Every structure is written in structure tokens, then in C-alpha cells.
Amino acid sequence: MEQIVTIELFGQSHTFKANEEVSQAAQVADLLAEEVARVENQQAGQVPNISKLTILMLAALNIANEHMELKRNHFKLLHEIADRSGSLIRTLDAAVQ
């Protein structure tokens, strides 16, 4: 079932339909709105007349960077778990024999 989601960006509301595969569409929209507001506040004093598109791109890049970092950490964790599990299995096998 499609979801109707509204996001507030730059003082304007934008409503869209999210596919049913997007289980947390409202939370994703909130994340984007929060990151846009954070970037907008951060850039306000630094870059005069920064465009909305630039702010959106910076927000998207920040979110993408965080996503990639989480994926990298997840991969490292899985690798560490596999290494530790293998070590424990070898230790248990040696203790049983």
C-alpha cells in the first residue's frame, strides 16, 4: 500500500507517495529535513546566497557519507565476528580432543 508523506523543506510542504517497499518513509523524510536544516544553519554565516539545490546536495552527500560509513563498519564487524567465531571453534575443538 502506498504511503502519503509530507516533508517540510525551506518553509514549504512537499507531499509525495512512497512505494510500499519503503517501510519508514516518514522517518526518511524527517532525516532529510533535519539534515537540510542543519546544513542550512551551518552554511548561513559562511556562504551568502547559497542555493536551495546546493543545500539539498550537501545534505544528501552528508547522509550518503554516513550510510557508507555505517556499511563499512558493518562489514568490519561481520568480519571480526567471523574471525572470533573461527577462533572460538578452533579452541573448542582443541579442548574436546
N, C-alpha and C. Protein backbone atom coordinates (compact mmCIF):
# COMPACT_ATOMS: atom_id res chain seq x y z
N MET A 1 0.83 -1.18 0.00
CA MET A 1 0.00 0.00 0.00
C MET A 1 0.88 1.25 0.00
N GLU A 2 0.56 2.20 -0.84
CA GLU A 2 1.34 3.42 -0.91
C GLU A 2 1.13 4.26 0.35
N GLN A 3 2.17 5.00 0.70
CA GLN A 3 2.12 5.88 1.85
C GLN A 3 2.17 7.33 1.35
N ILE A 4 1.41 8.18 1.97
CA ILE A 4 1.47 9.61 1.67
C ILE A 4 2.37 10.24 2.73
N VAL A 5 3.42 10.91 2.27
CA VAL A 5 4.39 11.51 3.19
C VAL A 5 4.52 12.98 2.86
N THR A 6 4.58 13.79 3.89
CA THR A 6 4.79 15.22 3.72
C THR A 6 6.10 15.61 4.38
N ILE A 7 6.89 16.38 3.67
CA ILE A 7 8.18 16.84 4.18
C ILE A 7 8.21 18.36 4.06
N GLU A 8 8.73 19.00 5.07
CA GLU A 8 8.85 20.46 5.11
C GLU A 8 10.29 20.82 4.79
N LEU A 9 10.49 21.51 3.66
CA LEU A 9 11.83 21.96 3.26
C LEU A 9 11.77 23.42 2.85
N PHE A 10 12.64 24.21 3.41
CA PHE A 10 12.76 25.63 3.06
C PHE A 10 11.43 26.36 3.23
N GLY A 11 10.69 25.98 4.27
CA GLY A 11 9.44 26.66 4.57
C GLY A 11 8.27 26.25 3.70
N GLN A 12 8.46 25.21 2.88
CA GLN A 12 7.38 24.74 2.03
C GLN A 12 7.13 23.26 2.30
N SER A 13 5.86 22.89 2.25
CA SER A 13 5.49 21.49 2.42
C SER A 13 5.48 20.81 1.06
N HIS A 14 6.01 19.60 1.03
CA HIS A 14 6.03 18.78 -0.18
C HIS A 14 5.43 17.43 0.18
N THR A 15 4.40 17.04 -0.54
CA THR A 15 3.73 15.77 -0.28
C THR A 15 3.98 14.84 -1.45
N PHE A 16 4.26 13.58 -1.13
CA PHE A 16 4.51 12.60 -2.18
C PHE A 16 4.04 11.23 -1.73
N LYS A 17 3.93 10.35 -2.69
CA LYS A 17 3.58 8.96 -2.40
C LYS A 17 4.86 8.16 -2.35
N ALA A 18 4.99 7.36 -1.31
CA ALA A 18 6.15 6.48 -1.17
C ALA A 18 5.73 5.06 -1.51
N ASN A 19 6.59 4.34 -2.18
CA ASN A 19 6.31 2.95 -2.50
C ASN A 19 6.16 2.13 -1.23
N GLU A 20 5.44 1.06 -1.34
CA GLU A 20 5.22 0.21 -0.16
C GLU A 20 6.52 -0.45 0.31
N GLU A 21 7.52 -0.54 -0.56
CA GLU A 21 8.80 -1.13 -0.15
C GLU A 21 9.55 -0.24 0.84
N VAL A 22 9.22 1.04 0.86
CA VAL A 22 9.87 1.98 1.79
C VAL A 22 9.08 1.93 3.09
N SER A 23 9.60 1.13 4.03
CA SER A 23 8.85 0.88 5.26
C SER A 23 8.85 2.06 6.22
N GLN A 24 9.83 2.92 6.12
CA GLN A 24 9.94 4.04 7.06
C GLN A 24 10.03 5.36 6.31
N ALA A 25 9.13 5.57 5.38
CA ALA A 25 9.19 6.76 4.52
C ALA A 25 9.14 8.05 5.32
N ALA A 26 8.29 8.10 6.32
CA ALA A 26 8.17 9.33 7.12
C ALA A 26 9.46 9.61 7.88
N GLN A 27 10.10 8.56 8.41
CA GLN A 27 11.35 8.75 9.13
C GLN A 27 12.47 9.18 8.18
N VAL A 28 12.47 8.62 6.98
CA VAL A 28 13.47 9.01 5.98
C VAL A 28 13.28 10.48 5.61
N ALA A 29 12.04 10.89 5.40
CA ALA A 29 11.75 12.28 5.08
C ALA A 29 12.17 13.20 6.23
N ASP A 30 11.91 12.78 7.45
CA ASP A 30 12.33 13.57 8.62
C ASP A 30 13.84 13.70 8.69
N LEU A 31 14.54 12.61 8.39
CA LEU A 31 16.00 12.64 8.40
C LEU A 31 16.52 13.66 7.38
N LEU A 32 15.95 13.63 6.19
CA LEU A 32 16.36 14.59 5.17
C LEU A 32 16.06 16.03 5.61
N ALA A 33 14.88 16.25 6.14
CA ALA A 33 14.51 17.61 6.58
C ALA A 33 15.45 18.10 7.68
N GLU A 34 15.80 17.22 8.61
CA GLU A 34 16.72 17.61 9.69
C GLU A 34 18.10 17.92 9.14
N GLU A 35 18.57 17.11 8.19
CA GLU A 35 19.90 17.34 7.63
C GLU A 35 19.92 18.62 6.79
N VAL A 36 18.86 18.88 6.05
CA VAL A 36 18.76 20.11 5.27
C VAL A 36 18.80 21.32 6.22
N ALA A 37 18.05 21.25 7.30
CA ALA A 37 18.04 22.36 8.27
C ALA A 37 19.42 22.55 8.89
N ARG A 38 20.10 21.43 9.20
CA ARG A 38 21.43 21.51 9.80
C ARG A 38 22.42 22.16 8.82
N VAL A 39 22.39 21.72 7.56
CA VAL A 39 23.29 22.29 6.55
C VAL A 39 22.96 23.76 6.31
N GLU A 40 21.68 24.06 6.25
CA GLU A 40 21.26 25.45 6.03
C GLU A 40 21.77 26.36 7.15
N ASN A 41 21.63 25.91 8.39
CA ASN A 41 22.13 26.70 9.52
C ASN A 41 23.65 26.80 9.51
N GLN A 42 24.30 25.71 9.16
CA GLN A 42 25.77 25.68 9.12
C GLN A 42 26.31 26.62 8.04
N GLN A 43 25.66 26.66 6.90
CA GLN A 43 26.15 27.46 5.77
C GLN A 43 25.69 28.91 5.81
N ALA A 44 24.71 29.22 6.65
CA ALA A 44 24.11 30.56 6.67
C ALA A 44 25.15 31.66 6.85
N GLY A 45 26.06 31.49 7.77
CA GLY A 45 27.05 32.52 8.02
C GLY A 45 28.27 32.43 7.13
N GLN A 46 28.45 31.30 6.49
CA GLN A 46 29.66 31.07 5.71
C GLN A 46 29.52 31.44 4.23
N VAL A 47 28.41 31.05 3.64
CA VAL A 47 28.22 31.26 2.20
C VAL A 47 26.97 32.10 1.98
N PRO A 48 27.15 33.35 1.56
CA PRO A 48 25.96 34.17 1.33
C PRO A 48 25.21 33.69 0.07
N ASN A 49 23.90 33.72 0.13
CA ASN A 49 23.05 33.37 -1.01
C ASN A 49 23.28 31.97 -1.56
N ILE A 50 23.52 31.02 -0.68
CA ILE A 50 23.68 29.64 -1.12
C ILE A 50 22.34 29.13 -1.64
N SER A 51 22.37 28.42 -2.74
CA SER A 51 21.13 27.99 -3.36
C SER A 51 20.51 26.81 -2.60
N LYS A 52 19.21 26.67 -2.75
CA LYS A 52 18.50 25.55 -2.13
C LYS A 52 18.99 24.23 -2.68
N LEU A 53 19.29 24.21 -3.97
CA LEU A 53 19.80 22.98 -4.59
C LEU A 53 21.13 22.59 -3.97
N THR A 54 22.00 23.55 -3.74
CA THR A 54 23.30 23.26 -3.12
C THR A 54 23.11 22.72 -1.71
N ILE A 55 22.20 23.31 -0.97
CA ILE A 55 21.92 22.82 0.39
C ILE A 55 21.39 21.39 0.34
N LEU A 56 20.47 21.13 -0.59
CA LEU A 56 19.94 19.76 -0.73
C LEU A 56 21.04 18.77 -1.09
N MET A 57 21.93 19.17 -2.02
CA MET A 57 23.01 18.28 -2.41
C MET A 57 23.96 18.01 -1.25
N LEU A 58 24.31 19.05 -0.49
CA LEU A 58 25.18 18.86 0.66
C LEU A 58 24.53 17.94 1.70
N ALA A 59 23.24 18.12 1.93
CA ALA A 59 22.52 17.26 2.87
C ALA A 59 22.52 15.82 2.38
N ALA A 60 22.26 15.62 1.09
CA ALA A 60 22.25 14.27 0.53
C ALA A 60 23.64 13.64 0.61
N LEU A 61 24.67 14.42 0.33
CA LEU A 61 26.04 13.90 0.43
C LEU A 61 26.40 13.52 1.87
N ASN A 62 25.96 14.32 2.82
CA ASN A 62 26.21 14.00 4.23
C ASN A 62 25.53 12.69 4.62
N ILE A 63 24.28 12.53 4.19
CA ILE A 63 23.53 11.30 4.51
C ILE A 63 24.18 10.11 3.81
N ALA A 64 24.57 10.28 2.55
CA ALA A 64 25.22 9.19 1.81
C ALA A 64 26.55 8.81 2.47
N ASN A 65 27.30 9.80 2.91
CA ASN A 65 28.57 9.53 3.59
C ASN A 65 28.35 8.74 4.87
N GLU A 66 27.35 9.14 5.64
CA GLU A 66 27.03 8.42 6.87
C GLU A 66 26.61 6.98 6.55
N HIS A 67 25.83 6.81 5.51
CA HIS A 67 25.39 5.48 5.09
C HIS A 67 26.59 4.61 4.72
N MET A 68 27.50 5.16 3.93
CA MET A 68 28.69 4.40 3.52
C MET A 68 29.56 4.03 4.72
N GLU A 69 29.68 4.95 5.65
CA GLU A 69 30.46 4.69 6.86
C GLU A 69 29.82 3.57 7.69
N LEU A 70 28.49 3.59 7.81
CA LEU A 70 27.80 2.53 8.53
C LEU A 70 27.97 1.18 7.83
N LYS A 71 27.89 1.18 6.50
CA LYS A 71 28.10 -0.07 5.75
C LYS A 71 29.51 -0.60 5.96
N ARG A 72 30.50 0.29 5.93
CA ARG A 72 31.89 -0.11 6.14
C ARG A 72 32.07 -0.68 7.55
N ASN A 73 31.50 -0.02 8.55
CA ASN A 73 31.60 -0.52 9.92
C ASN A 73 30.87 -1.85 10.09
N HIS A 74 29.76 -2.01 9.42
CA HIS A 74 29.01 -3.26 9.47
C HIS A 74 29.83 -4.40 8.87
N PHE A 75 30.46 -4.15 7.73
CA PHE A 75 31.31 -5.15 7.10
C PHE A 75 32.46 -5.53 8.02
N LYS A 76 33.10 -4.53 8.63
CA LYS A 76 34.22 -4.81 9.54
C LYS A 76 33.74 -5.63 10.74
N LEU A 77 32.57 -5.32 11.26
CA LEU A 77 32.02 -6.06 12.40
C LEU A 77 31.74 -7.51 12.01
N LEU A 78 31.13 -7.72 10.84
CA LEU A 78 30.87 -9.09 10.39
C LEU A 78 32.16 -9.87 10.23
N HIS A 79 33.18 -9.23 9.69
CA HIS A 79 34.48 -9.88 9.52
C HIS A 79 35.09 -10.23 10.89
N GLU A 80 35.00 -9.31 11.82
CA GLU A 80 35.52 -9.55 13.17
C GLU A 80 34.77 -10.69 13.86
N ILE A 81 33.46 -10.72 13.70
CA ILE A 81 32.66 -11.80 14.29
C ILE A 81 33.05 -13.15 13.69
N ALA A 82 33.24 -13.17 12.37
CA ALA A 82 33.65 -14.41 11.71
C ALA A 82 35.01 -14.86 12.21
N ASP A 83 35.95 -13.94 12.35
CA ASP A 83 37.29 -14.28 12.86
C ASP A 83 37.22 -14.82 14.28
N ARG A 84 36.48 -14.15 15.14
CA ARG A 84 36.37 -14.58 16.54
C ARG A 84 35.65 -15.92 16.65
N SER A 85 34.61 -16.09 15.85
CA SER A 85 33.88 -17.36 15.87
C SER A 85 34.79 -18.50 15.45
N GLY A 86 35.56 -18.28 14.39
CA GLY A 86 36.50 -19.30 13.94
C GLY A 86 37.52 -19.63 15.01
N SER A 87 38.01 -18.61 15.68
CA SER A 87 38.99 -18.82 16.76
C SER A 87 38.38 -19.61 17.91
N LEU A 88 37.15 -19.27 18.28
CA LEU A 88 36.47 -19.99 19.36
C LEU A 88 36.22 -21.45 18.98
N ILE A 89 35.82 -21.68 17.74
CA ILE A 89 35.58 -23.05 17.29
C ILE A 89 36.87 -23.86 17.33
N ARG A 90 37.96 -23.27 16.90
CA ARG A 90 39.26 -23.98 16.95
C ARG A 90 39.66 -24.28 18.39
N THR A 91 39.43 -23.30 19.28
CA THR A 91 39.76 -23.51 20.69
C THR A 91 38.91 -24.63 21.29
N LEU A 92 37.63 -24.63 20.99
CA LEU A 92 36.73 -25.68 21.50
C LEU A 92 37.09 -27.04 20.91
N ASP A 93 37.39 -27.07 19.62
CA ASP A 93 37.79 -28.33 19.00
C ASP A 93 39.07 -28.88 19.65
N ALA A 94 40.01 -28.00 19.94
CA ALA A 94 41.27 -28.44 20.56
C ALA A 94 41.02 -28.93 21.98
N ALA A 95 40.10 -28.32 22.69
CA ALA A 95 39.79 -28.72 24.06
C ALA A 95 39.07 -30.05 24.11
N VAL A 96 38.27 -30.37 23.12
CA VAL A 96 37.49 -31.61 23.08
C VAL A 96 38.38 -32.79 22.77
N GLN A 97 39.40 -32.60 21.97
CA GLN A 97 40.26 -33.71 21.54
C GLN A 97 41.24 -34.11 22.59
